[in-house]
Amino acid sequence: MSLSPVRSDLGPAPFSRVVTAAGAQVVLCDATNTPIAANPQGINHPPSKILVVGIAAGGSVVWLDLNGTSNTLVLPAVTAGNTQFIFELPSTAKSIEAGTTSNIQFVVAFHPEP
């Protein structure tokens, strides 16, 4: 698996997958050559970009980076002074973990080749 998911020879990533956290691990890529069926076109390499769509209640986003390190990002609740947000995950990920708050959505974009 490549540790550099961004392709300098291509434009924006043409494939995407929308994932809603539901208390289970969501695998985006792994170290095998087997395509991941839920990914577009059976892609099995790191995503180029991951956008996180927060929910009103806030919560936590837990993901494994490409080295297998677990990362947690706590999202604030939406209040009168704190509006709903969409942001890019600060690194790419090989999976979204089960500890992620339910109903947080992820838009995962892939290039066709790693």
PDB file of N, CA and C in Angstrom:
ATOM      1  N   MET A   1       0.851  -1.168   0.000  1.00  0.00           N
ATOM      2  CA  MET A   1       0.000   0.000   0.000  1.00  0.00           C
ATOM      3  C   MET A   1       0.897   1.232   0.000  1.00  0.00           C
ATOM      4  N   SER A   2       0.600   2.157  -0.837  1.00  0.00           N
ATOM      5  CA  SER A   2       1.352   3.395  -0.927  1.00  0.00           C
ATOM      6  C   SER A   2       1.048   4.300   0.254  1.00  0.00           C
ATOM      7  N   LEU A   3       2.058   5.033   0.725  1.00  0.00           N
ATOM      8  CA  LEU A   3       1.834   5.981   1.806  1.00  0.00           C
ATOM      9  C   LEU A   3       1.572   7.380   1.267  1.00  0.00           C
ATOM     10  N   SER A   4       1.481   7.519  -0.046  1.00  0.00           N
ATOM     11  CA  SER A   4       1.193   8.815  -0.656  1.00  0.00           C
ATOM     12  C   SER A   4      -0.040   8.692  -1.530  1.00  0.00           C
ATOM     13  N   PRO A   5      -1.227   9.051  -1.015  1.00  0.00           N
ATOM     14  CA  PRO A   5      -2.453   8.842  -1.774  1.00  0.00           C
ATOM     15  C   PRO A   5      -2.751   9.903  -2.816  1.00  0.00           C
ATOM     16  N   VAL A   6      -2.017  11.013  -2.820  1.00  0.00           N
ATOM     17  CA  VAL A   6      -2.331  12.105  -3.735  1.00  0.00           C
ATOM     18  C   VAL A   6      -1.554  11.942  -5.027  1.00  0.00           C
ATOM     19  N   ARG A   7      -2.266  11.961  -6.132  1.00  0.00           N
ATOM     20  CA  ARG A   7      -1.646  11.817  -7.441  1.00  0.00           C
ATOM     21  C   ARG A   7      -1.347  13.192  -8.019  1.00  0.00           C
ATOM     22  N   SER A   8      -0.079  13.468  -8.314  1.00  0.00           N
ATOM     23  CA  SER A   8       0.283  14.771  -8.873  1.00  0.00           C
ATOM     24  C   SER A   8      -0.010  14.851 -10.364  1.00  0.00           C
ATOM     25  N   ASP A   9      -0.207  13.696 -11.023  1.00  0.00           N
ATOM     26  CA  ASP A   9      -0.434  13.698 -12.468  1.00  0.00           C
ATOM     27  C   ASP A   9      -1.911  13.720 -12.846  1.00  0.00           C
ATOM     28  N   LEU A  10      -2.799  13.765 -11.854  1.00  0.00           N
ATOM     29  CA  LEU A  10      -4.238  13.771 -12.121  1.00  0.00           C
ATOM     30  C   LEU A  10      -4.900  14.982 -11.484  1.00  0.00           C
ATOM     31  N   GLY A  11      -6.055  15.319 -11.971  1.00  0.00           N
ATOM     32  CA  GLY A  11      -6.854  16.399 -11.372  1.00  0.00           C
ATOM     33  C   GLY A  11      -7.569  15.900 -10.139  1.00  0.00           C
ATOM     34  N   PRO A  12      -8.708  16.486  -9.831  1.00  0.00           N
ATOM     35  CA  PRO A  12      -9.479  16.057  -8.653  1.00  0.00           C
ATOM     36  C   PRO A  12      -9.860  14.580  -8.737  1.00  0.00           C
ATOM     37  N   ALA A  13      -9.973  13.970  -7.584  1.00  0.00           N
ATOM     38  CA  ALA A  13     -10.320  12.550  -7.530  1.00  0.00           C
ATOM     39  C   ALA A  13     -11.707  12.321  -8.132  1.00  0.00           C
ATOM     40  N   PRO A  14     -11.818  11.437  -9.136  1.00  0.00           N
ATOM     41  CA  PRO A  14     -13.093  11.267  -9.836  1.00  0.00           C
ATOM     42  C   PRO A  14     -14.073  10.300  -9.179  1.00  0.00           C
ATOM     43  N   PHE A  15     -13.636   9.513  -8.206  1.00  0.00           N
ATOM     44  CA  PHE A  15     -14.523   8.542  -7.567  1.00  0.00           C
ATOM     45  C   PHE A  15     -14.751   8.925  -6.119  1.00  0.00           C
ATOM     46  N   SER A  16     -15.960   8.655  -5.625  1.00  0.00           N
ATOM     47  CA  SER A  16     -16.228   8.959  -4.223  1.00  0.00           C
ATOM     48  C   SER A  16     -17.147   7.914  -3.613  1.00  0.00           C
ATOM     49  N   ARG A  17     -17.137   7.886  -2.308  1.00  0.00           N
ATOM     50  CA  ARG A  17     -17.972   6.981  -1.518  1.00  0.00           C
ATOM     51  C   ARG A  17     -18.460   7.774  -0.316  1.00  0.00           C
ATOM     52  N   VAL A  18     -19.743   7.713  -0.022  1.00  0.00           N
ATOM     53  CA  VAL A  18     -20.283   8.380   1.164  1.00  0.00           C
ATOM     54  C   VAL A  18     -20.509   7.322   2.238  1.00  0.00           C
ATOM     55  N   VAL A  19     -19.967   7.573   3.412  1.00  0.00           N
ATOM     56  CA  VAL A  19     -20.043   6.630   4.522  1.00  0.00           C
ATOM     57  C   VAL A  19     -20.716   7.329   5.694  1.00  0.00           C
ATOM     58  N   THR A  20     -21.662   6.666   6.325  1.00  0.00           N
ATOM     59  CA  THR A  20     -22.255   7.155   7.566  1.00  0.00           C
ATOM     60  C   THR A  20     -21.811   6.236   8.683  1.00  0.00           C
ATOM     61  N   ALA A  21     -21.163   6.818   9.687  1.00  0.00           N
ATOM     62  CA  ALA A  21     -20.703   6.007  10.813  1.00  0.00           C
ATOM     63  C   ALA A  21     -21.907   5.404  11.515  1.00  0.00           C
ATOM     64  N   ALA A  22     -21.841   4.116  11.786  1.00  0.00           N
ATOM     65  CA  ALA A  22     -22.979   3.441  12.427  1.00  0.00           C
ATOM     66  C   ALA A  22     -22.499   2.471  13.502  1.00  0.00           C
ATOM     67  N   GLY A  23     -21.408   2.813  14.169  1.00  0.00           N
ATOM     68  CA  GLY A  23     -20.926   1.969  15.258  1.00  0.00           C
ATOM     69  C   GLY A  23     -20.112   0.765  14.822  1.00  0.00           C
ATOM     70  N   ALA A  24     -19.744   0.697  13.549  1.00  0.00           N
ATOM     71  CA  ALA A  24     -18.922  -0.410  13.059  1.00  0.00           C
ATOM     72  C   ALA A  24     -17.738   0.152  12.281  1.00  0.00           C
ATOM     73  N   GLN A  25     -16.653  -0.591  12.236  1.00  0.00           N
ATOM     74  CA  GLN A  25     -15.482  -0.165  11.480  1.00  0.00           C
ATOM     75  C   GLN A  25     -15.812  -0.146   9.987  1.00  0.00           C
ATOM     76  N   VAL A  26     -15.351   0.894   9.286  1.00  0.00           N
ATOM     77  CA  VAL A  26     -15.512   0.998   7.840  1.00  0.00           C
ATOM     78  C   VAL A  26     -14.114   0.986   7.234  1.00  0.00           C
ATOM     79  N   VAL A  27     -13.772  -0.084   6.517  1.00  0.00           N
ATOM     80  CA  VAL A  27     -12.446  -0.219   5.922  1.00  0.00           C
ATOM     81  C   VAL A  27     -12.430   0.505   4.575  1.00  0.00           C
ATOM     82  N   LEU A  28     -11.465   1.414   4.407  1.00  0.00           N
ATOM     83  CA  LEU A  28     -11.307   2.155   3.159  1.00  0.00           C
ATOM     84  C   LEU A  28     -10.209   1.550   2.287  1.00  0.00           C
ATOM     85  N   CYS A  29      -9.170   0.986   2.913  1.00  0.00           N
ATOM     86  CA  CYS A  29      -8.105   0.286   2.188  1.00  0.00           C
ATOM     87  C   CYS A  29      -7.380  -0.622   3.168  1.00  0.00           C
ATOM     88  N   ASP A  30      -6.723  -1.640   2.651  1.00  0.00           N
ATOM     89  CA  ASP A  30      -5.925  -2.519   3.495  1.00  0.00           C
ATOM     90  C   ASP A  30      -4.683  -2.958   2.724  1.00  0.00           C
ATOM     91  N   ALA A  31      -3.881  -3.822   3.318  1.00  0.00           N
ATOM     92  CA  ALA A  31      -2.603  -4.207   2.734  1.00  0.00           C
ATOM     93  C   ALA A  31      -2.709  -5.344   1.720  1.00  0.00           C
ATOM     94  N   THR A  32      -3.916  -5.776   1.387  1.00  0.00           N
ATOM     95  CA  THR A  32      -4.069  -6.856   0.414  1.00  0.00           C
ATOM     96  C   THR A  32      -4.262  -6.289  -0.992  1.00  0.00           C
ATOM     97  N   ASN A  33      -4.254  -7.150  -1.973  1.00  0.00           N
ATOM     98  CA  ASN A  33      -4.539  -6.744  -3.349  1.00  0.00           C
ATOM     99  C   ASN A  33      -6.002  -6.959  -3.716  1.00  0.00           C
ATOM    100  N   THR A  34      -6.802  -7.413  -2.748  1.00  0.00           N
ATOM    101  CA  THR A  34      -8.210  -7.692  -2.997  1.00  0.00           C
ATOM    102  C   THR A  34      -9.003  -6.393  -3.010  1.00  0.00           C
ATOM    103  N   PRO A  35      -9.758  -6.117  -4.077  1.00  0.00           N
ATOM    104  CA  PRO A  35     -10.573  -4.896  -4.105  1.00  0.00           C
ATOM    105  C   PRO A  35     -11.599  -4.891  -2.975  1.00  0.00           C
ATOM    106  N   ILE A  36     -11.865  -3.731  -2.442  1.00  0.00           N
ATOM    107  CA  ILE A  36     -12.876  -3.588  -1.392  1.00  0.00           C
ATOM    108  C   ILE A  36     -14.198  -3.314  -2.081  1.00  0.00           C
ATOM    109  N   ALA A  37     -15.143  -4.220  -1.900  1.00  0.00           N
ATOM    110  CA  ALA A  37     -16.398  -4.193  -2.657  1.00  0.00           C
ATOM    111  C   ALA A  37     -17.187  -2.908  -2.468  1.00  0.00           C
ATOM    112  N   ALA A  38     -17.158  -2.318  -1.278  1.00  0.00           N
ATOM    113  CA  ALA A  38     -17.943  -1.109  -1.029  1.00  0.00           C
ATOM    114  C   ALA A  38     -17.333   0.140  -1.661  1.00  0.00           C
ATOM    115  N   ASN A  39     -16.056   0.074  -2.004  1.00  0.00           N
ATOM    116  CA  ASN A  39     -15.408   1.220  -2.650  1.00  0.00           C
ATOM    117  C   ASN A  39     -15.811   1.303  -4.111  1.00  0.00           C
ATOM    118  N   PRO A  40     -15.777   2.495  -4.706  1.00  0.00           N
ATOM    119  CA  PRO A  40     -16.109   2.594  -6.126  1.00  0.00           C
ATOM    120  C   PRO A  40     -15.120   1.791  -6.961  1.00  0.00           C
ATOM    121  N   GLN A  41     -15.638   1.064  -7.918  1.00  0.00           N
ATOM    122  CA  GLN A  41     -14.830   0.257  -8.828  1.00  0.00           C
ATOM    123  C   GLN A  41     -13.926  -0.740  -8.108  1.00  0.00           C
ATOM    124  N   GLY A  42     -14.269  -1.109  -6.860  1.00  0.00           N
ATOM    125  CA  GLY A  42     -13.475  -2.073  -6.106  1.00  0.00           C
ATOM    126  C   GLY A  42     -12.089  -1.578  -5.749  1.00  0.00           C
ATOM    127  N   ILE A  43     -11.897  -0.297  -5.609  1.00  0.00           N
ATOM    128  CA  ILE A  43     -10.595   0.304  -5.301  1.00  0.00           C
ATOM    129  C   ILE A  43     -10.120  -0.159  -3.930  1.00  0.00           C
ATOM    130  N   ASN A  44      -8.818  -0.457  -3.831  1.00  0.00           N
ATOM    131  CA  ASN A  44      -8.201  -0.789  -2.550  1.00  0.00           C
ATOM    132  C   ASN A  44      -6.865  -0.065  -2.438  1.00  0.00           C
ATOM    133  N   HIS A  45      -6.921   1.237  -2.307  1.00  0.00           N
ATOM    134  CA  HIS A  45      -5.742   2.044  -2.001  1.00  0.00           C
ATOM    135  C   HIS A  45      -6.202   3.270  -1.224  1.00  0.00           C
ATOM    136  N   PRO A  46      -5.270   3.994  -0.603  1.00  0.00           N
ATOM    137  CA  PRO A  46      -5.669   5.108   0.263  1.00  0.00           C
ATOM    138  C   PRO A  46      -6.493   6.159  -0.468  1.00  0.00           C
ATOM    139  N   PRO A  47      -7.478   6.723   0.212  1.00  0.00           N
ATOM    140  CA  PRO A  47      -8.265   7.793  -0.388  1.00  0.00           C
ATOM    141  C   PRO A  47      -7.422   9.049  -0.576  1.00  0.00           C
ATOM    142  N   SER A  48      -7.808   9.849  -1.548  1.00  0.00           N
ATOM    143  CA  SER A  48      -7.111  11.105  -1.799  1.00  0.00           C
ATOM    144  C   SER A  48      -7.577  12.202  -0.857  1.00  0.00           C
ATOM    145  N   LYS A  49      -8.834  12.140  -0.456  1.00  0.00           N
ATOM    146  CA  LYS A  49      -9.393  13.171   0.419  1.00  0.00           C
ATOM    147  C   LYS A  49     -10.562  12.578   1.181  1.00  0.00           C
ATOM    148  N   ILE A  50     -10.719  13.022   2.431  1.00  0.00           N
ATOM    149  CA  ILE A  50     -11.856  12.600   3.253  1.00  0.00           C
ATOM    150  C   ILE A  50     -12.474  13.855   3.862  1.00  0.00           C
ATOM    151  N   LEU A  51     -13.735  14.125   3.499  1.00  0.00           N
ATOM    152  CA  LEU A  51     -14.467  15.240   4.085  1.00  0.00           C
ATOM    153  C   LEU A  51     -15.368  14.710   5.187  1.00  0.00           C
ATOM    154  N   VAL A  52     -15.418  15.424   6.297  1.00  0.00           N
ATOM    155  CA  VAL A  52     -16.239  15.044   7.439  1.00  0.00           C
ATOM    156  C   VAL A  52     -17.397  16.025   7.542  1.00  0.00           C
ATOM    157  N   VAL A  53     -18.616  15.493   7.611  1.00  0.00           N
ATOM    158  CA  VAL A  53     -19.804  16.323   7.774  1.00  0.00           C
ATOM    159  C   VAL A  53     -20.294  16.113   9.202  1.00  0.00           C
ATOM    160  N   GLY A  54     -20.121  17.140  10.040  1.00  0.00           N
ATOM    161  CA  GLY A  54     -20.495  17.046  11.443  1.00  0.00           C
ATOM    162  C   GLY A  54     -22.000  17.014  11.631  1.00  0.00           C
ATOM    163  N   ILE A  55     -22.426  16.532  12.779  1.00  0.00           N
ATOM    164  CA  ILE A  55     -23.859  16.512  13.105  1.00  0.00           C
ATOM    165  C   ILE A  55     -24.123  17.489  14.239  1.00  0.00           C
ATOM    166  N   ALA A  56     -25.374  17.841  14.437  1.00  0.00           N
ATOM    167  CA  ALA A  56     -25.751  18.863  15.416  1.00  0.00           C
ATOM    168  C   ALA A  56     -25.279  18.526  16.827  1.00  0.00           C
ATOM    169  N   ALA A  57     -25.301  17.271  17.186  1.00  0.00           N
ATOM    170  CA  ALA A  57     -24.967  16.881  18.558  1.00  0.00           C
ATOM    171  C   ALA A  57     -23.468  16.845  18.818  1.00  0.00           C
ATOM    172  N   GLY A  58     -22.641  17.009  17.791  1.00  0.00           N
ATOM    173  CA  GLY A  58     -21.201  16.867  17.976  1.00  0.00           C
ATOM    174  C   GLY A  58     -20.846  15.401  18.124  1.00  0.00           C
ATOM    175  N   GLY A  59     -19.693  15.102  18.705  1.00  0.00           N
ATOM    176  CA  GLY A  59     -19.289  13.716  18.902  1.00  0.00           C
ATOM    177  C   GLY A  59     -17.817  13.529  18.642  1.00  0.00           C
ATOM    178  N   SER A  60     -17.431  12.314  18.284  1.00  0.00           N
ATOM    179  CA  SER A  60     -16.027  11.982  18.052  1.00  0.00           C
ATOM    180  C   SER A  60     -15.856  11.294  16.716  1.00  0.00           C
ATOM    181  N   VAL A  61     -14.734  11.586  16.060  1.00  0.00           N
ATOM    182  CA  VAL A  61     -14.329  10.877  14.851  1.00  0.00           C
ATOM    183  C   VAL A  61     -13.068  10.105  15.211  1.00  0.00           C
ATOM    184  N   VAL A  62     -13.092   8.793  14.992  1.00  0.00           N
ATOM    185  CA  VAL A  62     -11.946   7.941  15.289  1.00  0.00           C
ATOM    186  C   VAL A  62     -11.545   7.254  13.999  1.00  0.00           C
ATOM    187  N   TRP A  63     -10.252   7.344  13.629  1.00  0.00           N
ATOM    188  CA  TRP A  63      -9.783   6.707  12.406  1.00  0.00           C
ATOM    189  C   TRP A  63      -8.381   6.161  12.607  1.00  0.00           C
ATOM    190  N   LEU A  64      -8.020   5.174  11.795  1.00  0.00           N
ATOM    191  CA  LEU A  64      -6.654   4.653  11.758  1.00  0.00           C
ATOM    192  C   LEU A  64      -5.960   5.289  10.579  1.00  0.00           C
ATOM    193  N   ASP A  65      -4.769   5.855  10.811  1.00  0.00           N
ATOM    194  CA  ASP A  65      -4.017   6.407   9.691  1.00  0.00           C
ATOM    195  C   ASP A  65      -3.314   5.265   8.954  1.00  0.00           C
ATOM    196  N   LEU A  66      -2.549   5.588   7.938  1.00  0.00           N
ATOM    197  CA  LEU A  66      -1.941   4.550   7.105  1.00  0.00           C
ATOM    198  C   LEU A  66      -0.877   3.731   7.832  1.00  0.00           C
ATOM    199  N   ASN A  67      -0.374   4.224   8.966  1.00  0.00           N
ATOM    200  CA  ASN A  67       0.574   3.456   9.776  1.00  0.00           C
ATOM    201  C   ASN A  67      -0.124   2.629  10.844  1.00  0.00           C
ATOM    202  N   GLY A  68      -1.464   2.713  10.905  1.00  0.00           N
ATOM    203  CA  GLY A  68      -2.224   1.952  11.888  1.00  0.00           C
ATOM    204  C   GLY A  68      -2.378   2.653  13.229  1.00  0.00           C
ATOM    205  N   THR A  69      -2.017   3.934  13.297  1.00  0.00           N
ATOM    206  CA  THR A  69      -2.153   4.700  14.528  1.00  0.00           C
ATOM    207  C   THR A  69      -3.586   5.188  14.669  1.00  0.00           C
ATOM    208  N   SER A  70      -4.172   4.981  15.844  1.00  0.00           N
ATOM    209  CA  SER A  70      -5.531   5.439  16.099  1.00  0.00           C
ATOM    210  C   SER A  70      -5.514   6.924  16.426  1.00  0.00           C
ATOM    211  N   ASN A  71      -6.435   7.668  15.822  1.00  0.00           N
ATOM    212  CA  ASN A  71      -6.558   9.110  16.024  1.00  0.00           C
ATOM    213  C   ASN A  71      -8.000   9.423  16.395  1.00  0.00           C
ATOM    214  N   THR A  72      -8.182  10.379  17.308  1.00  0.00           N
ATOM    215  CA  THR A  72      -9.518  10.795  17.712  1.00  0.00           C
ATOM    216  C   THR A  72      -9.617  12.308  17.622  1.00  0.00           C
ATOM    217  N   LEU A  73     -10.696  12.776  17.032  1.00  0.00           N
ATOM    218  CA  LEU A  73     -10.969  14.200  16.920  1.00  0.00           C
ATOM    219  C   LEU A  73     -12.355  14.436  17.511  1.00  0.00           C
ATOM    220  N   VAL A  74     -12.452  15.303  18.527  1.00  0.00           N
ATOM    221  CA  VAL A  74     -13.723  15.589  19.181  1.00  0.00           C
ATOM    222  C   VAL A  74     -14.376  16.784  18.494  1.00  0.00           C
ATOM    223  N   LEU A  75     -15.633  16.606  18.067  1.00  0.00           N
ATOM    224  CA  LEU A  75     -16.369  17.653  17.373  1.00  0.00           C
ATOM    225  C   LEU A  75     -17.314  18.347  18.346  1.00  0.00           C
ATOM    226  N   PRO A  76     -17.341  19.679  18.340  1.00  0.00           N
ATOM    227  CA  PRO A  76     -18.250  20.392  19.244  1.00  0.00           C
ATOM    228  C   PRO A  76     -19.693  20.281  18.774  1.00  0.00           C
ATOM    229  N   ALA A  77     -20.615  20.426  19.700  1.00  0.00           N
ATOM    230  CA  ALA A  77     -22.038  20.444  19.360  1.00  0.00           C
ATOM    231  C   ALA A  77     -22.373  21.757  18.664  1.00  0.00           C
ATOM    232  N   VAL A  78     -23.344  21.715  17.774  1.00  0.00           N
ATOM    233  CA  VAL A  78     -23.804  22.916  17.083  1.00  0.00           C
ATOM    234  C   VAL A  78     -24.694  23.711  18.035  1.00  0.00           C
ATOM    235  N   THR A  79     -24.333  24.976  18.242  1.00  0.00           N
ATOM    236  CA  THR A  79     -25.121  25.864  19.103  1.00  0.00           C
ATOM    237  C   THR A  79     -25.353  27.164  18.336  1.00  0.00           C
ATOM    238  N   ALA A  80     -25.954  28.134  18.978  1.00  0.00           N
ATOM    239  CA  ALA A  80     -26.236  29.412  18.319  1.00  0.00           C
ATOM    240  C   ALA A  80     -24.951  30.072  17.807  1.00  0.00           C
ATOM    241  N   GLY A  81     -23.867  29.947  18.526  1.00  0.00           N
ATOM    242  CA  GLY A  81     -22.612  30.565  18.097  1.00  0.00           C
ATOM    243  C   GLY A  81     -21.666  29.608  17.395  1.00  0.00           C
ATOM    244  N   ASN A  82     -22.112  28.380  17.173  1.00  0.00           N
ATOM    245  CA  ASN A  82     -21.237  27.355  16.603  1.00  0.00           C
ATOM    246  C   ASN A  82     -22.041  26.605  15.542  1.00  0.00           C
ATOM    247  N   THR A  83     -21.893  26.967  14.289  1.00  0.00           N
ATOM    248  CA  THR A  83     -22.717  26.401  13.218  1.00  0.00           C
ATOM    249  C   THR A  83     -22.206  25.037  12.763  1.00  0.00           C
ATOM    250  N   GLN A  84     -23.046  24.333  12.009  1.00  0.00           N
ATOM    251  CA  GLN A  84     -22.653  23.034  11.475  1.00  0.00           C
ATOM    252  C   GLN A  84     -21.484  23.207  10.528  1.00  0.00           C
ATOM    253  N   PHE A  85     -20.685  22.196  10.373  1.00  0.00           N
ATOM    254  CA  PHE A  85     -19.431  22.340   9.655  1.00  0.00           C
ATOM    255  C   PHE A  85     -19.138  21.136   8.776  1.00  0.00           C
ATOM    256  N   ILE A  86     -18.326  21.382   7.764  1.00  0.00           N
ATOM    257  CA  ILE A  86     -17.754  20.346   6.915  1.00  0.00           C
ATOM    258  C   ILE A  86     -16.271  20.661   6.845  1.00  0.00           C
ATOM    259  N   PHE A  87     -15.430  19.660   7.064  1.00  0.00           N
ATOM    260  CA  PHE A  87     -13.985  19.896   7.011  1.00  0.00           C
ATOM    261  C   PHE A  87     -13.280  18.665   6.470  1.00  0.00           C
ATOM    262  N   GLU A  88     -12.043  18.852   6.039  1.00  0.00           N
ATOM    263  CA  GLU A  88     -11.233  17.747   5.531  1.00  0.00           C
ATOM    264  C   GLU A  88     -10.512  17.096   6.705  1.00  0.00           C
ATOM    265  N   LEU A  89     -10.514  15.766   6.730  1.00  0.00           N
ATOM    266  CA  LEU A  89      -9.782  15.051   7.765  1.00  0.00           C
ATOM    267  C   LEU A  89      -8.307  15.440   7.651  1.00  0.00           C
ATOM    268  N   PRO A  90      -7.623  15.711   8.756  1.00  0.00           N
ATOM    269  CA  PRO A  90      -6.258  16.218   8.675  1.00  0.00           C
ATOM    270  C   PRO A  90      -5.223  15.214   8.157  1.00  0.00           C
ATOM    271  N   SER A  91      -5.599  13.975   7.952  1.00  0.00           N
ATOM    272  CA  SER A  91      -4.709  13.002   7.315  1.00  0.00           C
ATOM    273  C   SER A  91      -5.594  12.021   6.570  1.00  0.00           C
ATOM    274  N   THR A  92      -4.991  11.163   5.766  1.00  0.00           N
ATOM    275  CA  THR A  92      -5.809  10.155   5.120  1.00  0.00           C
ATOM    276  C   THR A  92      -5.957   8.970   6.079  1.00  0.00           C
ATOM    277  N   ALA A  93      -6.817   8.046   5.760  1.00  0.00           N
ATOM    278  CA  ALA A  93      -7.113   6.967   6.694  1.00  0.00           C
ATOM    279  C   ALA A  93      -7.264   5.647   5.953  1.00  0.00           C
ATOM    280  N   LYS A  94      -6.967   4.560   6.664  1.00  0.00           N
ATOM    281  CA  LYS A  94      -7.258   3.255   6.085  1.00  0.00           C
ATOM    282  C   LYS A  94      -8.574   2.710   6.617  1.00  0.00           C
ATOM    283  N   SER A  95      -9.083   3.295   7.730  1.00  0.00           N
ATOM    284  CA  SER A  95     -10.407   2.898   8.219  1.00  0.00           C
ATOM    285  C   SER A  95     -10.971   3.960   9.146  1.00  0.00           C
ATOM    286  N   ILE A  96     -12.303   4.017   9.168  1.00  0.00           N
ATOM    287  CA  ILE A  96     -13.039   4.803  10.145  1.00  0.00           C
ATOM    288  C   ILE A  96     -13.433   3.792  11.221  1.00  0.00           C
ATOM    289  N   GLU A  97     -13.135   4.101  12.470  1.00  0.00           N
ATOM    290  CA  GLU A  97     -13.281   3.108  13.532  1.00  0.00           C
ATOM    291  C   GLU A  97     -14.659   3.127  14.197  1.00  0.00           C
ATOM    292  N   ALA A  98     -14.953   2.022  14.890  1.00  0.00           N
ATOM    293  CA  ALA A  98     -16.257   1.832  15.535  1.00  0.00           C
ATOM    294  C   ALA A  98     -16.536   2.876  16.607  1.00  0.00           C
ATOM    295  N   GLY A  99     -15.516   3.519  17.166  1.00  0.00           N
ATOM    296  CA  GLY A  99     -15.724   4.528  18.201  1.00  0.00           C
ATOM    297  C   GLY A  99     -16.247   5.856  17.678  1.00  0.00           C
ATOM    298  N   THR A 100     -16.419   5.967  16.361  1.00  0.00           N
ATOM    299  CA  THR A 100     -16.944   7.191  15.771  1.00  0.00           C
ATOM    300  C   THR A 100     -18.418   7.335  16.109  1.00  0.00           C
ATOM    301  N   THR A 101     -18.822   8.558  16.464  1.00  0.00           N
ATOM    302  CA  THR A 101     -20.221   8.836  16.800  1.00  0.00           C
ATOM    303  C   THR A 101     -21.128   8.515  15.614  1.00  0.00           C
ATOM    304  N   SER A 102     -22.242   7.843  15.886  1.00  0.00           N
ATOM    305  CA  SER A 102     -23.188   7.487  14.819  1.00  0.00           C
ATOM    306  C   SER A 102     -23.697   8.733  14.106  1.00  0.00           C
ATOM    307  N   ASN A 103     -23.993   8.582  12.838  1.00  0.00           N
ATOM    308  CA  ASN A 103     -24.581   9.593  11.962  1.00  0.00           C
ATOM    309  C   ASN A 103     -23.622  10.676  11.482  1.00  0.00           C
ATOM    310  N   ILE A 104     -22.344  10.618  11.836  1.00  0.00           N
ATOM    311  CA  ILE A 104     -21.379  11.523  11.210  1.00  0.00           C
ATOM    312  C   ILE A 104     -21.112  10.969   9.816  1.00  0.00           C
ATOM    313  N   GLN A 105     -21.170  11.821   8.807  1.00  0.00           N
ATOM    314  CA  GLN A 105     -20.965  11.363   7.434  1.00  0.00           C
ATOM    315  C   GLN A 105     -19.569  11.711   6.955  1.00  0.00           C
ATOM    316  N   PHE A 106     -19.059  10.861   6.060  1.00  0.00           N
ATOM    317  CA  PHE A 106     -17.750  11.052   5.447  1.00  0.00           C
ATOM    318  C   PHE A 106     -17.919  10.952   3.938  1.00  0.00           C
ATOM    319  N   VAL A 107     -17.335  11.877   3.215  1.00  0.00           N
ATOM    320  CA  VAL A 107     -17.275  11.786   1.762  1.00  0.00           C
ATOM    321  C   VAL A 107     -15.827  11.450   1.443  1.00  0.00           C
ATOM    322  N   VAL A 108     -15.608  10.244   0.924  1.00  0.00           N
ATOM    323  CA  VAL A 108     -14.266   9.728   0.685  1.00  0.00           C
ATOM    324  C   VAL A 108     -14.014   9.730  -0.818  1.00  0.00           C
ATOM    325  N   ALA A 109     -12.960  10.427  -1.253  1.00  0.00           N
ATOM    326  CA  ALA A 109     -12.661  10.548  -2.683  1.00  0.00           C
ATOM    327  C   ALA A 109     -11.403   9.746  -3.020  1.00  0.00           C
ATOM    328  N   PHE A 110     -11.450   9.059  -4.170  1.00  0.00           N
ATOM    329  CA  PHE A 110     -10.352   8.223  -4.632  1.00  0.00           C
ATOM    330  C   PHE A 110      -9.930   8.595  -6.045  1.00  0.00           C
ATOM    331  N   HIS A 111      -8.636   8.468  -6.337  1.00  0.00           N
ATOM    332  CA  HIS A 111      -8.162   8.473  -7.722  1.00  0.00           C
ATOM    333  C   HIS A 111      -8.240   7.026  -8.215  1.00  0.00           C
ATOM    334  N   PRO A 112      -8.265   6.797  -9.530  1.00  0.00           N
ATOM    335  CA  PRO A 112      -8.392   5.416 -10.025  1.00  0.00           C
ATOM    336  C   PRO A 112      -7.202   4.532  -9.670  1.00  0.00           C
ATOM    337  N   GLU A 113      -6.002   5.083  -9.656  1.00  0.00           N
ATOM    338  CA  GLU A 113      -4.808   4.300  -9.305  1.00  0.00           C
ATOM    339  C   GLU A 113      -4.121   4.956  -8.120  1.00  0.00           C
ATOM    340  N   PRO A 114      -3.374   4.160  -7.349  1.00  0.00           N
ATOM    341  CA  PRO A 114      -2.634   4.734  -6.192  1.00  0.00           C
ATOM    342  C   PRO A 114      -1.499   5.618  -6.650  1.00  0.00           C
TER     343      PRO A 114
END
